[in-house]
Amino acid sequence: MARQVTYTFKGETKTIAFSYAKHHDLYEAVAEAEGIDLTKFLAMEQQIAMTSRKGAKAEKDYRKVEFARFGFSNIHFVRDEEPEA
């Protein structure tokens, strides 16, 4: 079964196909769908991972804040029982 990701970008809710063969995570998939270059974001995320004592929590917090700044919200996988938008 194909996975789908739903997200809201600048007030508009969208659903896209997702594959782990193409993207590392759902955040990379939605950024690509909207044409956002994540080069600087990924470099900073890597630095946070190497230097933070909080580890994964610091990375998640950074990701959440930066994607909100890009204009994204409500990024999640679509469940079978969830109606498509």
PDB file of N, CA and C in Angstrom:
ATOM      1  N   MET A   1       0.836  -1.184   0.000  1.00  0.00           N
ATOM      2  CA  MET A   1       0.000   0.000   0.000  1.00  0.00           C
ATOM      3  C   MET A   1       0.879   1.245   0.000  1.00  0.00           C
ATOM      4  N   ALA A   2       0.565   2.183  -0.844  1.00  0.00           N
ATOM      5  CA  ALA A   2       1.327   3.421  -0.933  1.00  0.00           C
ATOM      6  C   ALA A   2       1.011   4.312   0.262  1.00  0.00           C
ATOM      7  N   ARG A   3       2.037   4.952   0.759  1.00  0.00           N
ATOM      8  CA  ARG A   3       1.849   5.893   1.862  1.00  0.00           C
ATOM      9  C   ARG A   3       1.527   7.262   1.298  1.00  0.00           C
ATOM     10  N   GLN A   4       0.789   8.015   2.088  1.00  0.00           N
ATOM     11  CA  GLN A   4       0.488   9.395   1.718  1.00  0.00           C
ATOM     12  C   GLN A   4       0.759  10.290   2.919  1.00  0.00           C
ATOM     13  N   VAL A   5       1.139  11.520   2.619  1.00  0.00           N
ATOM     14  CA  VAL A   5       1.386  12.524   3.643  1.00  0.00           C
ATOM     15  C   VAL A   5       0.415  13.673   3.390  1.00  0.00           C
ATOM     16  N   THR A   6      -0.192  14.143   4.453  1.00  0.00           N
ATOM     17  CA  THR A   6      -1.032  15.333   4.339  1.00  0.00           C
ATOM     18  C   THR A   6      -0.387  16.434   5.167  1.00  0.00           C
ATOM     19  N   TYR A   7      -0.523  17.661   4.688  1.00  0.00           N
ATOM     20  CA  TYR A   7       0.079  18.798   5.369  1.00  0.00           C
ATOM     21  C   TYR A   7      -0.648  20.072   4.969  1.00  0.00           C
ATOM     22  N   THR A   8      -0.435  21.103   5.745  1.00  0.00           N
ATOM     23  CA  THR A   8      -0.978  22.414   5.423  1.00  0.00           C
ATOM     24  C   THR A   8       0.202  23.327   5.137  1.00  0.00           C
ATOM     25  N   PHE A   9       0.159  23.982   3.986  1.00  0.00           N
ATOM     26  CA  PHE A   9       1.215  24.910   3.590  1.00  0.00           C
ATOM     27  C   PHE A   9       0.580  26.249   3.283  1.00  0.00           C
ATOM     28  N   LYS A  10       0.914  27.231   4.104  1.00  0.00           N
ATOM     29  CA  LYS A  10       0.388  28.596   3.956  1.00  0.00           C
ATOM     30  C   LYS A  10      -1.135  28.600   3.843  1.00  0.00           C
ATOM     31  N   GLY A  11      -1.778  27.815   4.736  1.00  0.00           N
ATOM     32  CA  GLY A  11      -3.235  27.804   4.816  1.00  0.00           C
ATOM     33  C   GLY A  11      -3.944  26.837   3.889  1.00  0.00           C
ATOM     34  N   GLU A  12      -3.220  26.174   2.989  1.00  0.00           N
ATOM     35  CA  GLU A  12      -3.843  25.243   2.043  1.00  0.00           C
ATOM     36  C   GLU A  12      -3.439  23.808   2.385  1.00  0.00           C
ATOM     37  N   THR A  13      -4.422  22.944   2.613  1.00  0.00           N
ATOM     38  CA  THR A  13      -4.157  21.547   2.943  1.00  0.00           C
ATOM     39  C   THR A  13      -3.949  20.743   1.668  1.00  0.00           C
ATOM     40  N   LYS A  14      -2.877  19.924   1.679  1.00  0.00           N
ATOM     41  CA  LYS A  14      -2.524  19.129   0.502  1.00  0.00           C
ATOM     42  C   LYS A  14      -2.174  17.711   0.931  1.00  0.00           C
ATOM     43  N   THR A  15      -2.285  16.764  -0.008  1.00  0.00           N
ATOM     44  CA  THR A  15      -1.904  15.376   0.215  1.00  0.00           C
ATOM     45  C   THR A  15      -0.996  14.945  -0.926  1.00  0.00           C
ATOM     46  N   ILE A  16       0.129  14.296  -0.567  1.00  0.00           N
ATOM     47  CA  ILE A  16       1.085  13.837  -1.573  1.00  0.00           C
ATOM     48  C   ILE A  16       1.440  12.375  -1.314  1.00  0.00           C
ATOM     49  N   ALA A  17       1.947  11.707  -2.350  1.00  0.00           N
ATOM     50  CA  ALA A  17       2.448  10.339  -2.209  1.00  0.00           C
ATOM     51  C   ALA A  17       3.809  10.391  -1.533  1.00  0.00           C
ATOM     52  N   PHE A  18       4.141   9.349  -0.773  1.00  0.00           N
ATOM     53  CA  PHE A  18       5.404   9.298  -0.046  1.00  0.00           C
ATOM     54  C   PHE A  18       6.042   7.930  -0.206  1.00  0.00           C
ATOM     55  N   SER A  19       7.365   7.930  -0.391  1.00  0.00           N
ATOM     56  CA  SER A  19       8.124   6.688  -0.468  1.00  0.00           C
ATOM     57  C   SER A  19       9.453   6.870   0.245  1.00  0.00           C
ATOM     58  N   TYR A  20       9.799   5.914   1.119  1.00  0.00           N
ATOM     59  CA  TYR A  20      11.094   5.967   1.795  1.00  0.00           C
ATOM     60  C   TYR A  20      12.246   5.782   0.812  1.00  0.00           C
ATOM     61  N   ALA A  21      11.982   5.215  -0.350  1.00  0.00           N
ATOM     62  CA  ALA A  21      13.028   5.056  -1.361  1.00  0.00           C
ATOM     63  C   ALA A  21      13.451   6.411  -1.928  1.00  0.00           C
ATOM     64  N   LYS A  22      12.555   7.366  -1.882  1.00  0.00           N
ATOM     65  CA  LYS A  22      12.844   8.683  -2.456  1.00  0.00           C
ATOM     66  C   LYS A  22      13.207   9.738  -1.408  1.00  0.00           C
ATOM     67  N   HIS A  23      12.609   9.657  -0.217  1.00  0.00           N
ATOM     68  CA  HIS A  23      12.824  10.667   0.821  1.00  0.00           C
ATOM     69  C   HIS A  23      13.220  10.035   2.144  1.00  0.00           C
ATOM     70  N   HIS A  24      14.022  10.755   2.898  1.00  0.00           N
ATOM     71  CA  HIS A  24      14.461  10.300   4.216  1.00  0.00           C
ATOM     72  C   HIS A  24      13.319  10.335   5.224  1.00  0.00           C
ATOM     73  N   ASP A  25      12.509  11.389   5.163  1.00  0.00           N
ATOM     74  CA  ASP A  25      11.356  11.501   6.053  1.00  0.00           C
ATOM     75  C   ASP A  25      10.263  12.350   5.406  1.00  0.00           C
ATOM     76  N   LEU A  26       9.130  12.447   6.071  1.00  0.00           N
ATOM     77  CA  LEU A  26       8.010  13.173   5.490  1.00  0.00           C
ATOM     78  C   LEU A  26       8.275  14.661   5.366  1.00  0.00           C
ATOM     79  N   TYR A  27       9.148  15.208   6.197  1.00  0.00           N
ATOM     80  CA  TYR A  27       9.480  16.633   6.097  1.00  0.00           C
ATOM     81  C   TYR A  27      10.213  16.940   4.789  1.00  0.00           C
ATOM     82  N   GLU A  28      11.135  16.077   4.408  1.00  0.00           N
ATOM     83  CA  GLU A  28      11.844  16.265   3.141  1.00  0.00           C
ATOM     84  C   GLU A  28      10.873  16.158   1.962  1.00  0.00           C
ATOM     85  N   ALA A  29       9.911  15.267   2.072  1.00  0.00           N
ATOM     86  CA  ALA A  29       8.935  15.082   0.989  1.00  0.00           C
ATOM     87  C   ALA A  29       8.065  16.317   0.797  1.00  0.00           C
ATOM     88  N   VAL A  30       7.568  16.896   1.891  1.00  0.00           N
ATOM     89  CA  VAL A  30       6.707  18.071   1.747  1.00  0.00           C
ATOM     90  C   VAL A  30       7.498  19.289   1.279  1.00  0.00           C
ATOM     91  N   ALA A  31       8.739  19.401   1.720  1.00  0.00           N
ATOM     92  CA  ALA A  31       9.576  20.515   1.266  1.00  0.00           C
ATOM     93  C   ALA A  31       9.823  20.417  -0.238  1.00  0.00           C
ATOM     94  N   GLU A  32      10.110  19.206  -0.717  1.00  0.00           N
ATOM     95  CA  GLU A  32      10.320  19.022  -2.153  1.00  0.00           C
ATOM     96  C   GLU A  32       9.043  19.336  -2.932  1.00  0.00           C
ATOM     97  N   ALA A  33       7.910  18.917  -2.413  1.00  0.00           N
ATOM     98  CA  ALA A  33       6.634  19.164  -3.091  1.00  0.00           C
ATOM     99  C   ALA A  33       6.369  20.663  -3.251  1.00  0.00           C
ATOM    100  N   GLU A  34       6.859  21.459  -2.317  1.00  0.00           N
ATOM    101  CA  GLU A  34       6.654  22.909  -2.378  1.00  0.00           C
ATOM    102  C   GLU A  34       7.857  23.655  -2.950  1.00  0.00           C
ATOM    103  N   GLY A  35       8.890  22.920  -3.372  1.00  0.00           N
ATOM    104  CA  GLY A  35      10.045  23.543  -4.012  1.00  0.00           C
ATOM    105  C   GLY A  35      10.984  24.265  -3.060  1.00  0.00           C
ATOM    106  N   ILE A  36      11.054  23.811  -1.817  1.00  0.00           N
ATOM    107  CA  ILE A  36      11.907  24.446  -0.825  1.00  0.00           C
ATOM    108  C   ILE A  36      13.243  23.708  -0.746  1.00  0.00           C
ATOM    109  N   ASP A  37      14.342  24.458  -0.854  1.00  0.00           N
ATOM    110  CA  ASP A  37      15.688  23.897  -0.768  1.00  0.00           C
ATOM    111  C   ASP A  37      16.059  23.733   0.709  1.00  0.00           C
ATOM    112  N   LEU A  38      16.371  22.503   1.119  1.00  0.00           N
ATOM    113  CA  LEU A  38      16.681  22.213   2.518  1.00  0.00           C
ATOM    114  C   LEU A  38      18.180  22.109   2.801  1.00  0.00           C
ATOM    115  N   THR A  39      19.031  22.540   1.896  1.00  0.00           N
ATOM    116  CA  THR A  39      20.477  22.394   2.069  1.00  0.00           C
ATOM    117  C   THR A  39      20.960  23.017   3.373  1.00  0.00           C
ATOM    118  N   LYS A  40      20.632  24.269   3.609  1.00  0.00           N
ATOM    119  CA  LYS A  40      21.078  24.954   4.833  1.00  0.00           C
ATOM    120  C   LYS A  40      20.388  24.370   6.070  1.00  0.00           C
ATOM    121  N   PHE A  41      19.125  24.043   5.934  1.00  0.00           N
ATOM    122  CA  PHE A  41      18.377  23.450   7.042  1.00  0.00           C
ATOM    123  C   PHE A  41      19.016  22.138   7.497  1.00  0.00           C
ATOM    124  N   LEU A  42      19.333  21.257   6.539  1.00  0.00           N
ATOM    125  CA  LEU A  42      19.918  19.954   6.878  1.00  0.00           C
ATOM    126  C   LEU A  42      21.302  20.104   7.494  1.00  0.00           C
ATOM    127  N   ALA A  43      22.086  21.078   7.021  1.00  0.00           N
ATOM    128  CA  ALA A  43      23.415  21.320   7.594  1.00  0.00           C
ATOM    129  C   ALA A  43      23.287  21.763   9.052  1.00  0.00           C
ATOM    130  N   MET A  44      22.356  22.663   9.336  1.00  0.00           N
ATOM    131  CA  MET A  44      22.156  23.127  10.709  1.00  0.00           C
ATOM    132  C   MET A  44      21.613  22.008  11.589  1.00  0.00           C
ATOM    133  N   GLU A  45      20.706  21.208  11.053  1.00  0.00           N
ATOM    134  CA  GLU A  45      20.157  20.080  11.810  1.00  0.00           C
ATOM    135  C   GLU A  45      21.267  19.102  12.192  1.00  0.00           C
ATOM    136  N   GLN A  46      22.187  18.878  11.285  1.00  0.00           N
ATOM    137  CA  GLN A  46      23.327  17.992  11.557  1.00  0.00           C
ATOM    138  C   GLN A  46      24.217  18.582  12.651  1.00  0.00           C
ATOM    139  N   GLN A  47      24.445  19.881  12.624  1.00  0.00           N
ATOM    140  CA  GLN A  47      25.242  20.524  13.666  1.00  0.00           C
ATOM    141  C   GLN A  47      24.561  20.417  15.020  1.00  0.00           C
ATOM    142  N   ILE A  48      23.259  20.588  15.042  1.00  0.00           N
ATOM    143  CA  ILE A  48      22.507  20.463  16.297  1.00  0.00           C
ATOM    144  C   ILE A  48      22.630  19.045  16.838  1.00  0.00           C
ATOM    145  N   ALA A  49      22.542  18.064  15.964  1.00  0.00           N
ATOM    146  CA  ALA A  49      22.650  16.664  16.382  1.00  0.00           C
ATOM    147  C   ALA A  49      24.018  16.369  16.984  1.00  0.00           C
ATOM    148  N   MET A  50      25.054  16.969  16.432  1.00  0.00           N
ATOM    149  CA  MET A  50      26.417  16.705  16.912  1.00  0.00           C
ATOM    150  C   MET A  50      26.734  17.436  18.208  1.00  0.00           C
ATOM    151  N   THR A  51      26.100  18.572  18.457  1.00  0.00           N
ATOM    152  CA  THR A  51      26.477  19.393  19.606  1.00  0.00           C
ATOM    153  C   THR A  51      25.488  19.400  20.760  1.00  0.00           C
ATOM    154  N   SER A  52      24.263  18.984  20.527  1.00  0.00           N
ATOM    155  CA  SER A  52      23.236  19.079  21.556  1.00  0.00           C
ATOM    156  C   SER A  52      23.314  17.935  22.553  1.00  0.00           C
ATOM    157  N   ARG A  53      23.147  18.274  23.808  1.00  0.00           N
ATOM    158  CA  ARG A  53      23.076  17.255  24.857  1.00  0.00           C
ATOM    159  C   ARG A  53      21.704  16.595  24.884  1.00  0.00           C
ATOM    160  N   LYS A  54      20.712  17.296  24.350  1.00  0.00           N
ATOM    161  CA  LYS A  54      19.349  16.758  24.347  1.00  0.00           C
ATOM    162  C   LYS A  54      19.106  15.823  23.173  1.00  0.00           C
ATOM    163  N   GLY A  55      20.038  15.751  22.227  1.00  0.00           N
ATOM    164  CA  GLY A  55      19.953  14.814  21.116  1.00  0.00           C
ATOM    165  C   GLY A  55      18.741  14.976  20.237  1.00  0.00           C
ATOM    166  N   ALA A  56      17.958  13.906  20.118  1.00  0.00           N
ATOM    167  CA  ALA A  56      16.825  13.858  19.195  1.00  0.00           C
ATOM    168  C   ALA A  56      15.770  14.924  19.524  1.00  0.00           C
ATOM    169  N   LYS A  57      15.596  15.255  20.786  1.00  0.00           N
ATOM    170  CA  LYS A  57      14.604  16.272  21.154  1.00  0.00           C
ATOM    171  C   LYS A  57      14.986  17.623  20.571  1.00  0.00           C
ATOM    172  N   ALA A  58      16.233  17.985  20.623  1.00  0.00           N
ATOM    173  CA  ALA A  58      16.679  19.263  20.069  1.00  0.00           C
ATOM    174  C   ALA A  58      16.468  19.290  18.555  1.00  0.00           C
ATOM    175  N   GLU A  59      16.740  18.171  17.894  1.00  0.00           N
ATOM    176  CA  GLU A  59      16.527  18.089  16.442  1.00  0.00           C
ATOM    177  C   GLU A  59      15.049  18.245  16.100  1.00  0.00           C
ATOM    178  N   LYS A  60      14.179  17.551  16.840  1.00  0.00           N
ATOM    179  CA  LYS A  60      12.738  17.631  16.594  1.00  0.00           C
ATOM    180  C   LYS A  60      12.224  19.049  16.813  1.00  0.00           C
ATOM    181  N   ASP A  61      12.695  19.692  17.881  1.00  0.00           N
ATOM    182  CA  ASP A  61      12.272  21.055  18.162  1.00  0.00           C
ATOM    183  C   ASP A  61      12.707  22.003  17.054  1.00  0.00           C
ATOM    184  N   TYR A  62      13.942  21.860  16.595  1.00  0.00           N
ATOM    185  CA  TYR A  62      14.454  22.698  15.509  1.00  0.00           C
ATOM    186  C   TYR A  62      13.630  22.481  14.237  1.00  0.00           C
ATOM    187  N   ARG A  63      13.378  21.215  13.917  1.00  0.00           N
ATOM    188  CA  ARG A  63      12.601  20.885  12.716  1.00  0.00           C
ATOM    189  C   ARG A  63      11.200  21.505  12.791  1.00  0.00           C
ATOM    190  N   LYS A  64      10.555  21.359  13.934  1.00  0.00           N
ATOM    191  CA  LYS A  64       9.196  21.884  14.101  1.00  0.00           C
ATOM    192  C   LYS A  64       9.166  23.403  13.928  1.00  0.00           C
ATOM    193  N   VAL A  65      10.092  24.104  14.548  1.00  0.00           N
ATOM    194  CA  VAL A  65      10.137  25.559  14.473  1.00  0.00           C
ATOM    195  C   VAL A  65      10.457  26.028  13.053  1.00  0.00           C
ATOM    196  N   GLU A  66      11.432  25.411  12.410  1.00  0.00           N
ATOM    197  CA  GLU A  66      11.830  25.843  11.073  1.00  0.00           C
ATOM    198  C   GLU A  66      10.751  25.557  10.028  1.00  0.00           C
ATOM    199  N   PHE A  67      10.095  24.410  10.123  1.00  0.00           N
ATOM    200  CA  PHE A  67       9.039  24.120   9.155  1.00  0.00           C
ATOM    201  C   PHE A  67       7.835  25.034   9.364  1.00  0.00           C
ATOM    202  N   ALA A  68       7.577  25.432  10.592  1.00  0.00           N
ATOM    203  CA  ALA A  68       6.524  26.419  10.841  1.00  0.00           C
ATOM    204  C   ALA A  68       6.930  27.759  10.212  1.00  0.00           C
ATOM    205  N   ARG A  69       8.207  28.100  10.304  1.00  0.00           N
ATOM    206  CA  ARG A  69       8.699  29.341   9.702  1.00  0.00           C
ATOM    207  C   ARG A  69       8.583  29.286   8.176  1.00  0.00           C
ATOM    208  N   PHE A  70       8.802  28.109   7.585  1.00  0.00           N
ATOM    209  CA  PHE A  70       8.649  27.940   6.138  1.00  0.00           C
ATOM    210  C   PHE A  70       7.188  28.083   5.701  1.00  0.00           C
ATOM    211  N   GLY A  71       6.248  27.871   6.640  1.00  0.00           N
ATOM    212  CA  GLY A  71       4.828  27.984   6.307  1.00  0.00           C
ATOM    213  C   GLY A  71       4.059  26.678   6.424  1.00  0.00           C
ATOM    214  N   PHE A  72       4.695  25.625   6.968  1.00  0.00           N
ATOM    215  CA  PHE A  72       4.058  24.314   7.092  1.00  0.00           C
ATOM    216  C   PHE A  72       3.407  24.139   8.461  1.00  0.00           C
ATOM    217  N   SER A  73       2.355  23.341   8.498  1.00  0.00           N
ATOM    218  CA  SER A  73       1.757  22.903   9.758  1.00  0.00           C
ATOM    219  C   SER A  73       1.045  21.573   9.517  1.00  0.00           C
ATOM    220  N   ASN A  74       0.745  20.890  10.601  1.00  0.00           N
ATOM    221  CA  ASN A  74      -0.052  19.664  10.551  1.00  0.00           C
ATOM    222  C   ASN A  74       0.490  18.629   9.549  1.00  0.00           C
ATOM    223  N   ILE A  75       1.787  18.334   9.618  1.00  0.00           N
ATOM    224  CA  ILE A  75       2.416  17.362   8.721  1.00  0.00           C
ATOM    225  C   ILE A  75       2.285  15.975   9.356  1.00  0.00           C
ATOM    226  N   HIS A  76       1.623  15.051   8.634  1.00  0.00           N
ATOM    227  CA  HIS A  76       1.480  13.693   9.173  1.00  0.00           C
ATOM    228  C   HIS A  76       1.126  12.697   8.060  1.00  0.00           C
ATOM    229  N   PHE A  77       1.355  11.413   8.371  1.00  0.00           N
ATOM    230  CA  PHE A  77       0.965  10.355   7.452  1.00  0.00           C
ATOM    231  C   PHE A  77      -0.549  10.202   7.471  1.00  0.00           C
ATOM    232  N   VAL A  78      -1.127   9.885   6.321  1.00  0.00           N
ATOM    233  CA  VAL A  78      -2.563   9.648   6.219  1.00  0.00           C
ATOM    234  C   VAL A  78      -2.846   8.228   6.683  1.00  0.00           C
ATOM    235  N   ARG A  79      -3.811   8.081   7.543  1.00  0.00           N
ATOM    236  CA  ARG A  79      -4.229   6.755   8.000  1.00  0.00           C
ATOM    237  C   ARG A  79      -5.314   6.236   7.084  1.00  0.00           C
ATOM    238  N   ASP A  80      -5.481   4.927   7.072  1.00  0.00           N
ATOM    239  CA  ASP A  80      -6.478   4.304   6.194  1.00  0.00           C
ATOM    240  C   ASP A  80      -7.882   4.848   6.415  1.00  0.00           C
ATOM    241  N   GLU A  81      -8.270   5.051   7.671  1.00  0.00           N
ATOM    242  CA  GLU A  81      -9.624   5.483   7.968  1.00  0.00           C
ATOM    243  C   GLU A  81      -9.809   6.993   7.806  1.00  0.00           C
ATOM    244  N   GLU A  82      -8.727   7.728   7.576  1.00  0.00           N
ATOM    245  CA  GLU A  82      -8.802   9.174   7.436  1.00  0.00           C
ATOM    246  C   GLU A  82      -9.264   9.556   6.029  1.00  0.00           C
ATOM    247  N   PRO A  83     -10.271  10.402   5.906  1.00  0.00           N
ATOM    248  CA  PRO A  83     -10.727  10.803   4.563  1.00  0.00           C
ATOM    249  C   PRO A  83      -9.705  11.707   3.903  1.00  0.00           C
ATOM    250  N   GLU A  84      -9.569  11.580   2.579  1.00  0.00           N
ATOM    251  CA  GLU A  84      -8.627  12.401   1.835  1.00  0.00           C
ATOM    252  C   GLU A  84      -9.194  13.810   1.677  1.00  0.00           C
ATOM    253  N   ALA A  85      -8.296  14.787   1.672  1.00  0.00           N
ATOM    254  CA  ALA A  85      -8.729  16.192   1.551  1.00  0.00           C
ATOM    255  C   ALA A  85      -8.929  16.568   0.099  1.00  0.00           C
TER     256      ALA A  85
END
